[in-house]
C-alpha atoms as a PDB file:
ATOM      1  CA  UNK A   1     100.312  76.519 131.298  1.00  0.00           C
ATOM      2  CA  UNK A   2      97.758  75.244 133.799  1.00  0.00           C
ATOM      3  CA  UNK A   3      98.053  71.653 134.983  1.00  0.00           C
ATOM      4  CA  UNK A   4      94.281  71.125 134.718  1.00  0.00           C
ATOM      5  CA  UNK A   5      93.135  68.879 131.869  1.00  0.00           C
ATOM      6  CA  UNK A   6      91.457  70.717 129.003  1.00  0.00           C
ATOM      7  CA  UNK A   7      88.086  69.165 129.871  1.00  0.00           C
ATOM      8  CA  UNK A   8      88.067  70.918 133.270  1.00  0.00           C
ATOM      9  CA  UNK A   9      88.856  74.395 132.018  1.00  0.00           C
ATOM     10  CA  UNK A  10      86.194  76.963 131.331  1.00  0.00           C
ATOM     11  CA  UNK A  11      85.411  77.239 127.634  1.00  0.00           C
ATOM     12  CA  UNK A  12      85.622  80.616 125.899  1.00  0.00           C
ATOM     13  CA  UNK A  13      87.558  82.037 128.840  1.00  0.00           C
ATOM     14  CA  UNK A  14      90.783  83.919 128.228  1.00  0.00           C
ATOM     15  CA  UNK A  15      93.544  81.601 129.423  1.00  0.00           C
ATOM     16  CA  UNK A  16      96.550  83.757 128.592  1.00  0.00           C
ATOM     17  CA  UNK A  17      97.372  87.152 127.110  1.00  0.00           C
ATOM     18  CA  UNK A  18     100.460  87.451 124.968  1.00  0.00           C
ATOM     19  CA  UNK A  19     102.193  90.676 124.011  1.00  0.00           C
ATOM     20  CA  UNK A  20     102.900  90.910 120.266  1.00  0.00           C
ATOM     21  CA  UNK A  21     105.383  93.415 118.862  1.00  0.00           C
ATOM     22  CA  UNK A  22     106.573  93.957 115.334  1.00  0.00           C
ATOM     23  CA  UNK A  23     106.488  96.129 112.250  1.00  0.00           C
ATOM     24  CA  UNK A  24     103.388  96.653 110.113  1.00  0.00           C
ATOM     25  CA  UNK A  25     103.394  96.704 106.279  1.00  0.00           C
ATOM     26  CA  UNK A  26     103.981 100.502 106.389  1.00  0.00           C
ATOM     27  CA  UNK A  27     107.167  99.871 108.413  1.00  0.00           C
ATOM     28  CA  UNK A  28     105.613 101.272 111.613  1.00  0.00           C
ATOM     29  CA  UNK A  29     106.259  99.652 114.993  1.00  0.00           C
ATOM     30  CA  UNK A  30     103.196  98.107 116.694  1.00  0.00           C
ATOM     31  CA  UNK A  31     102.422  96.491 120.040  1.00  0.00           C
ATOM     32  CA  UNK A  32      99.181  94.587 120.775  1.00  0.00           C
ATOM     33  CA  UNK A  33      97.771  92.090 123.260  1.00  0.00           C
ATOM     34  CA  UNK A  34      96.775  88.684 121.915  1.00  0.00           C
ATOM     35  CA  UNK A  35      94.156  87.014 124.117  1.00  0.00           C
ATOM     36  CA  UNK A  36      94.130  83.223 123.912  1.00  0.00           C
ATOM     37  CA  UNK A  37      90.790  81.541 124.634  1.00  0.00           C
ATOM     38  CA  UNK A  38      89.939  77.966 125.504  1.00  0.00           C
ATOM     39  CA  UNK A  39      87.362  76.577 123.053  1.00  0.00           C
ATOM     40  CA  UNK A  40      85.765  73.164 122.528  1.00  0.00           C
ATOM     41  CA  UNK A  41      88.705  71.532 120.744  1.00  0.00           C
ATOM     42  CA  UNK A  42      91.660  73.526 122.009  1.00  0.00           C
ATOM     43  CA  UNK A  43      92.669  77.173 121.845  1.00  0.00           C
ATOM     44  CA  UNK A  44      92.170  80.186 119.596  1.00  0.00           C
ATOM     45  CA  UNK A  45      94.015  83.496 119.593  1.00  0.00           C
ATOM     46  CA  UNK A  46      93.035  86.852 118.157  1.00  0.00           C
ATOM     47  CA  UNK A  47      94.504  90.272 117.575  1.00  0.00           C
ATOM     48  CA  UNK A  48      93.130  93.618 116.440  1.00  0.00           C
ATOM     49  CA  UNK A  49      95.247  96.079 114.493  1.00  0.00           C
ATOM     50  CA  UNK A  50      93.478  99.232 113.340  1.00  0.00           C
ATOM     51  CA  UNK A  51      90.459  97.983 111.294  1.00  0.00           C
ATOM     52  CA  UNK A  52      91.946  94.484 110.940  1.00  0.00           C
ATOM     53  CA  UNK A  53      90.922  91.573 113.175  1.00  0.00           C
ATOM     54  CA  UNK A  54      92.805  88.292 112.833  1.00  0.00           C
ATOM     55  CA  UNK A  55      91.695  85.084 114.548  1.00  0.00           C
ATOM     56  CA  UNK A  56      93.642  81.866 114.594  1.00  0.00           C
ATOM     57  CA  UNK A  57      92.284  78.483 113.715  1.00  0.00           C
ATOM     58  CA  UNK A  58      91.664  76.143 116.663  1.00  0.00           C
ATOM     59  CA  UNK A  59      94.866  74.475 117.876  1.00  0.00           C
ATOM     60  CA  UNK A  60      95.678  71.892 120.532  1.00  0.00           C
ATOM     61  CA  UNK A  61      98.245  74.141 122.225  1.00  0.00           C
ATOM     62  CA  UNK A  62      98.485  77.811 123.120  1.00  0.00           C
ATOM     63  CA  UNK A  63     101.860  78.306 121.352  1.00  0.00           C
ATOM     64  CA  UNK A  64     100.385  76.885 118.129  1.00  0.00           C
ATOM     65  CA  UNK A  65      97.457  79.339 118.272  1.00  0.00           C
ATOM     66  CA  UNK A  66      99.796  82.296 118.814  1.00  0.00           C
ATOM     67  CA  UNK A  67     102.089  81.085 116.027  1.00  0.00           C
ATOM     68  CA  UNK A  68      99.060  80.926 113.701  1.00  0.00           C
ATOM     69  CA  UNK A  69      98.360  84.630 114.392  1.00  0.00           C
ATOM     70  CA  UNK A  70     101.981  85.506 113.597  1.00  0.00           C
ATOM     71  CA  UNK A  71     101.847  83.488 110.365  1.00  0.00           C
ATOM     72  CA  UNK A  72      98.623  85.184 109.247  1.00  0.00           C
ATOM     73  CA  UNK A  73     100.055  88.622 109.981  1.00  0.00           C
ATOM     74  CA  UNK A  74     103.284  87.750 108.158  1.00  0.00           C
ATOM     75  CA  UNK A  75     101.218  86.774 105.105  1.00  0.00           C
ATOM     76  CA  UNK A  76      99.753  90.308 105.191  1.00  0.00           C
ATOM     77  CA  UNK A  77     103.198  91.950 105.221  1.00  0.00           C
ATOM     78  CA  UNK A  78     103.913  92.300 108.951  1.00  0.00           C
ATOM     79  CA  UNK A  79     107.496  91.548 110.009  1.00  0.00           C
ATOM     80  CA  UNK A  80     110.033  91.489 112.860  1.00  0.00           C
ATOM     81  CA  UNK A  81     107.461  89.980 115.209  1.00  0.00           C
ATOM     82  CA  UNK A  82     107.991  88.614 118.688  1.00  0.00           C
ATOM     83  CA  UNK A  83     105.686  87.538 121.508  1.00  0.00           C
ATOM     84  CA  UNK A  84     105.756  86.780 125.215  1.00  0.00           C
ATOM     85  CA  UNK A  85     103.202  85.753 127.804  1.00  0.00           C
ATOM     86  CA  UNK A  86     102.109  88.693 129.974  1.00  0.00           C
ATOM     87  CA  UNK A  87      99.106  87.132 131.772  1.00  0.00           C
ATOM     88  CA  UNK A  88      98.248  83.565 132.729  1.00  0.00           C
ATOM     89  CA  UNK A  89      94.633  83.720 133.811  1.00  0.00           C
ATOM     90  CA  UNK A  90      94.420  86.804 136.035  1.00  0.00           C
ATOM     91  CA  UNK A  91      98.060  86.585 137.111  1.00  0.00           C
ATOM     92  CA  UNK A  92     100.315  89.292 135.674  1.00  0.00           C
ATOM     93  CA  UNK A  93     103.778  87.932 135.024  1.00  0.00           C
ATOM     94  CA  UNK A  94     105.468  91.331 135.352  1.00  0.00           C
ATOM     95  CA  UNK A  95     107.311  90.904 132.061  1.00  0.00           C
ATOM     96  CA  UNK A  96     109.363  88.013 133.467  1.00  0.00           C
ATOM     97  CA  UNK A  97     108.757  85.680 130.526  1.00  0.00           C
ATOM     98  CA  UNK A  98     111.229  85.484 127.656  1.00  0.00           C
ATOM     99  CA  UNK A  99     110.438  86.815 124.204  1.00  0.00           C
ATOM    100  CA  UNK A 100     109.865  84.400 121.347  1.00  0.00           C
ATOM    101  CA  UNK A 101     111.193  85.817 118.079  1.00  0.00           C
ATOM    102  CA  UNK A 102     109.640  84.772 114.769  1.00  0.00           C
ATOM    103  CA  UNK A 103     111.797  84.714 111.663  1.00  0.00           C
ATOM    104  CA  UNK A 104     110.581  86.740 108.666  1.00  0.00           C
END
């Protein structure tokens, strides 16, 4: 995460993009990007899957916003999910970050 204080960061700008993988309620594998934006009081994340758009609540940290997306998807029947950071700002991390697995 950037070392700049939240007050100096651009609001509504995508700070990070996380890769989300898992299984949908029909037991099909899926893979989507989850952009995380800086907003007035923290961060929000969002994901689109077919006609479904899920947006997190505002959280103080990026991991909390991503976890909120996973929780909301889990409540809809998604499972076996994991995430990792693929972009920080414009910098591509070349899949060097570790996966975070979420228990069903």
